[in-house]
Amino acid sequence: MELVLLTALGVGGATVIGSLFGFAFQKISHKFSDIVLSFAAGVMLSAAVIGLILPSIESGGEHAVLVTAVGVLAGAFCLNIIDRLVPHLHRLVGTDREQHPQNAARINKIMLFVLAIAIHNLPEGIAAGVGFGSGDTAQAFTIAGGIALQNIPEGMVIIAPMLAAGISKKRTFLAAALTGLIEVIGTLLGYFAISLSSAALPFALAFAGGTMLYVISDEMIPETHAHGSERGATYALLIGFCIMLLVDFYI
């Protein structure tokens, strides 16, 4: 349990670390941000497939593939519903990082952006918690590591728009920390849910994998391909994916 709690704090804390980078480097180039985010997408893709979806098939019994397919689609559908309630991250990031709003309407939009990140962090945290609930600690660390890596640039992009809108540094940092706290809560929820019902493990693994695939496809890839760095972003994703393959099979 202590290991799960420390990992949850690490996953959520990655957002805070990213926000500190955001304070230090408020004018990070799109290209650099896209490369880092694409690398994280590759790590998450590998973690979703190898750490969640394949174990779901292996532990799903007679109808393993069907259970896994339904779980992946259910996870994606869940985030699709969330996306209907909050703005798309790539649209808001693309808008607010280019402009420097000063009025209340712009501040409201930026806060919606922060809320969107916070809501998306919940299923990511659940995915990390489900990984530990499966009992495979090595794979759980791979999943949590991929999510934490993705959280660093996510924390970075929160800072500049809020500061540009005139929000104080203290409130900006607290908002970033809150998005990380949501991920800690999600991690603990995922772990306890699986601990209480191991029979639901195959579906839960697939569900968590589906949420990660949705975030990668709907949020991360569009964002990294929106600023003219598509080639570098693509190779960064492939490198991240391959590195995690090597880590999984050789370490």
Protein backbone atom coordinates (compact mmCIF):
# COMPACT_ATOMS: atom_id res chain seq x y z
CA MET A 1 0.00 0.00 0.00
CA GLU A 2 2.86 2.37 0.83
CA LEU A 3 4.33 1.74 -2.63
CA VAL A 4 1.02 2.56 -4.29
CA LEU A 5 0.67 5.77 -2.27
CA LEU A 6 4.21 6.88 -3.10
CA THR A 7 3.63 6.15 -6.79
CA ALA A 8 0.34 8.05 -6.71
CA LEU A 9 2.12 11.03 -5.22
CA GLY A 10 4.84 10.70 -7.85
CA VAL A 11 2.34 10.58 -10.72
CA GLY A 12 0.45 13.59 -9.40
CA GLY A 13 3.65 15.34 -8.41
CA ALA A 14 4.89 15.18 -12.01
CA THR A 15 2.28 17.81 -12.87
CA VAL A 16 3.66 20.04 -10.11
CA ILE A 17 7.20 19.49 -11.41
CA GLY A 18 6.00 20.47 -14.86
CA SER A 19 4.40 23.61 -13.46
CA LEU A 20 7.72 24.59 -11.84
CA PHE A 21 9.37 24.24 -15.24
CA GLY A 22 6.54 26.38 -16.56
CA PHE A 23 7.39 29.14 -14.09
CA ALA A 24 11.08 28.94 -14.99
CA PHE A 25 10.58 28.79 -18.77
CA GLN A 26 7.37 30.63 -19.55
CA LYS A 27 8.13 30.88 -23.29
CA ILE A 28 8.93 27.28 -24.16
CA SER A 29 8.77 26.74 -27.91
CA HIS A 30 5.97 24.74 -29.47
CA LYS A 31 8.53 22.44 -31.06
CA PHE A 32 10.15 21.49 -27.76
CA SER A 33 6.80 21.00 -26.06
CA ASP A 34 5.52 18.90 -28.97
CA ILE A 35 8.59 16.65 -28.94
CA VAL A 36 8.33 16.01 -25.19
CA LEU A 37 4.59 15.43 -25.36
CA SER A 38 4.98 13.05 -28.33
CA PHE A 39 7.65 11.07 -26.53
CA ALA A 40 5.27 10.78 -23.57
CA ALA A 41 2.51 9.67 -25.94
CA GLY A 42 4.75 6.86 -27.21
CA VAL A 43 5.52 5.76 -23.66
CA MET A 44 1.82 5.81 -22.78
CA LEU A 45 0.92 3.90 -25.95
CA SER A 46 3.35 1.15 -25.09
CA ALA A 47 2.14 1.08 -21.48
CA ALA A 48 -1.50 0.92 -22.56
CA VAL A 49 -0.95 -1.97 -24.96
CA ILE A 50 1.65 -4.03 -23.10
CA GLY A 51 0.77 -3.15 -19.53
CA LEU A 52 -3.04 -3.09 -19.73
CA ILE A 53 -4.63 -4.46 -22.89
CA LEU A 54 -2.48 -7.58 -23.39
CA PRO A 55 -2.73 -8.58 -19.68
CA SER A 56 -6.49 -8.11 -19.97
CA ILE A 57 -6.58 -10.66 -22.80
CA GLU A 58 -4.32 -13.04 -20.90
CA SER A 59 -6.45 -12.96 -17.74
CA GLY A 60 -9.89 -12.70 -19.30
CA GLY A 61 -10.80 -16.39 -19.48
CA GLU A 62 -12.96 -17.93 -22.18
CA HIS A 63 -14.21 -14.68 -23.69
CA ALA A 64 -11.01 -12.74 -23.08
CA VAL A 65 -10.83 -10.90 -26.40
CA LEU A 66 -14.50 -9.87 -26.24
CA VAL A 67 -14.17 -8.62 -22.66
CA THR A 68 -11.05 -6.68 -23.59
CA ALA A 69 -12.63 -5.12 -26.69
CA VAL A 70 -15.69 -4.05 -24.73
CA GLY A 71 -13.51 -2.65 -21.96
CA VAL A 72 -11.36 -0.61 -24.36
CA LEU A 73 -14.44 0.85 -26.06
CA ALA A 74 -16.08 1.55 -22.70
CA GLY A 75 -13.02 3.44 -21.51
CA ALA A 76 -12.90 5.50 -24.69
CA PHE A 77 -16.63 6.17 -24.53
CA CYS A 78 -16.32 7.35 -20.93
CA LEU A 79 -13.76 9.97 -21.93
CA ASN A 80 -15.86 10.91 -24.94
CA ILE A 81 -18.65 11.83 -22.54
CA ILE A 82 -16.19 13.86 -20.48
CA ASP A 83 -15.08 15.66 -23.64
CA ARG A 84 -18.67 16.74 -24.23
CA LEU A 85 -18.64 18.46 -20.85
CA VAL A 86 -15.25 20.19 -21.07
CA PRO A 87 -13.24 21.75 -23.92
CA HIS A 88 -10.73 19.78 -25.99
CA LEU A 89 -7.27 20.31 -24.56
CA HIS A 90 -5.58 20.79 -27.92
CA ARG A 91 -7.98 23.56 -28.91
CA LEU A 92 -7.55 25.48 -25.68
CA VAL A 93 -3.80 24.99 -25.54
CA GLY A 94 -3.49 26.17 -29.13
CA THR A 95 -5.53 29.29 -28.34
CA ASP A 96 -4.27 30.37 -24.97
CA ARG A 97 -0.60 29.76 -25.55
CA GLU A 98 -0.65 32.09 -28.53
CA GLN A 99 -2.58 34.97 -26.97
CA HIS A 100 -2.32 36.97 -23.77
CA PRO A 101 -5.88 37.62 -22.58
CA GLN A 102 -6.61 40.17 -19.89
CA ASN A 103 -10.41 40.14 -19.59
CA ALA A 104 -12.69 38.00 -17.46
CA ALA A 105 -14.01 35.99 -20.41
CA ARG A 106 -10.50 34.88 -21.29
CA ILE A 107 -9.76 34.01 -17.67
CA ASN A 108 -12.89 31.84 -17.60
CA LYS A 109 -11.71 30.04 -20.71
CA ILE A 110 -8.29 29.42 -19.21
CA MET A 111 -9.89 28.03 -16.07
CA LEU A 112 -11.94 25.70 -18.26
CA PHE A 113 -8.64 24.57 -19.76
CA VAL A 114 -7.29 23.80 -16.28
CA LEU A 115 -10.54 22.02 -15.41
CA ALA A 116 -10.25 19.95 -18.58
CA ILE A 117 -6.76 18.80 -17.59
CA ALA A 118 -7.94 17.98 -14.08
CA ILE A 119 -10.86 15.88 -15.35
CA HIS A 120 -8.67 14.04 -17.84
CA ASN A 121 -6.20 13.28 -15.06
CA LEU A 122 -8.76 11.23 -13.14
CA PRO A 123 -8.94 8.25 -15.57
CA GLU A 124 -5.18 8.45 -16.09
CA GLY A 125 -4.73 8.06 -12.35
CA ILE A 126 -7.21 5.18 -12.34
CA ALA A 127 -5.13 3.50 -15.06
CA ALA A 128 -2.05 3.72 -12.85
CA GLY A 129 -3.97 2.35 -9.87
CA VAL A 130 -5.41 -0.53 -11.88
CA GLY A 131 -1.87 -1.45 -12.90
CA PHE A 132 -0.91 -1.96 -9.25
CA GLY A 133 -4.17 -3.76 -8.56
CA SER A 134 -3.23 -6.34 -11.19
CA GLY A 135 -0.31 -7.46 -9.04
CA ASP A 136 2.33 -6.90 -11.74
CA THR A 137 4.48 -4.26 -10.07
CA ALA A 138 6.92 -3.91 -12.98
CA GLN A 139 4.14 -3.21 -15.47
CA ALA A 140 2.45 -0.91 -12.97
CA PHE A 141 5.62 1.18 -12.75
CA THR A 142 5.81 1.29 -16.55
CA ILE A 143 2.24 2.57 -16.76
CA ALA A 144 2.73 5.07 -13.95
CA GLY A 145 6.01 6.23 -15.46
CA GLY A 146 4.41 6.88 -18.83
CA ILE A 147 1.59 8.85 -17.27
CA ALA A 148 3.98 10.83 -15.06
CA LEU A 149 6.15 11.69 -18.05
CA GLN A 150 3.09 12.96 -19.88
CA ASN A 151 2.10 15.06 -16.88
CA ILE A 152 5.30 17.13 -16.96
CA PRO A 153 4.60 19.02 -20.22
CA GLU A 154 0.94 19.12 -19.23
CA GLY A 155 1.88 20.97 -16.06
CA MET A 156 4.13 23.26 -18.06
CA VAL A 157 1.41 24.46 -20.42
CA ILE A 158 -0.90 25.44 -17.55
CA ILE A 159 1.38 28.16 -16.26
CA ALA A 160 1.93 30.67 -19.08
CA PRO A 161 -1.75 31.27 -19.99
CA MET A 162 -2.75 31.80 -16.35
CA LEU A 163 0.09 34.22 -15.65
CA ALA A 164 -0.62 36.08 -18.90
CA ALA A 165 -4.24 36.46 -17.78
CA GLY A 166 -3.10 38.24 -14.64
CA ILE A 167 -3.69 35.38 -12.21
CA SER A 168 -1.27 35.47 -9.29
CA LYS A 169 1.65 33.03 -9.14
CA LYS A 170 0.28 31.55 -5.92
CA ARG A 171 -3.13 30.78 -7.39
CA THR A 172 -1.54 29.53 -10.60
CA PHE A 173 0.61 27.07 -8.67
CA LEU A 174 -2.35 25.95 -6.55
CA ALA A 175 -4.38 25.28 -9.70
CA ALA A 176 -1.56 23.18 -11.14
CA ALA A 177 -1.20 21.30 -7.85
CA LEU A 178 -4.95 20.61 -7.84
CA THR A 179 -4.76 18.91 -11.23
CA GLY A 180 -2.02 16.68 -9.82
CA LEU A 181 -4.09 15.91 -6.71
CA ILE A 182 -6.91 14.65 -8.94
CA GLU A 183 -4.47 12.12 -10.38
CA VAL A 184 -3.45 10.94 -6.91
CA ILE A 185 -7.12 10.38 -6.05
CA GLY A 186 -7.65 8.49 -9.33
CA THR A 187 -4.67 6.23 -8.65
CA LEU A 188 -5.97 5.27 -5.22
CA LEU A 189 -9.50 4.72 -6.58
CA GLY A 190 -8.19 2.40 -9.28
CA TYR A 191 -6.09 0.41 -6.84
CA PHE A 192 -8.81 -0.07 -4.23
CA ALA A 193 -11.46 -0.90 -6.84
CA ILE A 194 -9.38 -3.76 -8.22
CA SER A 195 -8.30 -4.92 -4.76
CA LEU A 196 -11.96 -5.29 -3.78
CA SER A 197 -13.01 -7.11 -6.94
CA SER A 198 -10.32 -9.13 -8.72
CA ALA A 199 -13.03 -10.66 -10.93
CA ALA A 200 -13.38 -7.30 -12.64
CA LEU A 201 -9.64 -7.09 -13.36
CA PRO A 202 -9.71 -8.01 -17.11
CA PHE A 203 -12.42 -5.45 -17.87
CA ALA A 204 -10.79 -2.82 -15.64
CA LEU A 205 -7.42 -3.29 -17.33
CA ALA A 206 -9.00 -2.91 -20.76
CA PHE A 207 -11.07 0.07 -19.60
CA ALA A 208 -7.95 1.83 -18.33
CA GLY A 209 -6.16 1.00 -21.57
CA GLY A 210 -9.05 2.46 -23.54
CA THR A 211 -8.91 5.73 -21.60
CA MET A 212 -5.19 6.03 -22.30
CA LEU A 213 -5.64 5.29 -26.01
CA TYR A 214 -8.35 7.93 -26.18
CA VAL A 215 -6.18 10.58 -24.52
CA ILE A 216 -3.29 9.75 -26.87
CA SER A 217 -5.39 9.86 -30.04
CA ASP A 218 -7.82 12.64 -29.22
CA GLU A 219 -5.65 15.02 -27.23
CA MET A 220 -1.91 14.37 -27.39
CA ILE A 221 -1.36 13.58 -31.09
CA PRO A 222 -3.54 16.46 -32.40
CA GLU A 223 -1.76 18.88 -30.08
CA THR A 224 1.71 17.74 -31.17
CA HIS A 225 0.79 17.95 -34.86
CA ALA A 226 -0.75 21.41 -34.73
CA HIS A 227 2.34 23.62 -34.86
CA GLY A 228 4.40 22.40 -37.82
CA SER A 229 6.51 19.82 -35.96
CA GLU A 230 4.68 16.75 -37.24
CA ARG A 231 7.77 14.83 -38.42
CA GLY A 232 9.72 15.34 -35.21
CA ALA A 233 6.64 14.57 -33.14
CA THR A 234 6.06 11.32 -35.02
CA TYR A 235 9.62 10.12 -34.48
CA ALA A 236 9.49 11.17 -30.82
CA LEU A 237 6.36 9.03 -30.36
CA LEU A 238 8.04 6.05 -32.05
CA ILE A 239 11.17 6.45 -29.95
CA GLY A 240 9.13 6.61 -26.75
CA PHE A 241 7.20 3.51 -27.77
CA CYS A 242 10.35 1.55 -28.66
CA ILE A 243 12.20 2.55 -25.50
CA MET A 244 9.36 1.22 -23.39
CA LEU A 245 9.34 -1.99 -25.44
CA LEU A 246 13.03 -2.46 -24.67
CA VAL A 247 12.50 -1.65 -21.01
CA ASP A 248 9.61 -4.12 -20.79
CA PHE A 249 11.45 -7.04 -22.36
CA TYR A 250 15.01 -6.52 -21.18
CA ILE A 251 14.74 -4.97 -17.73
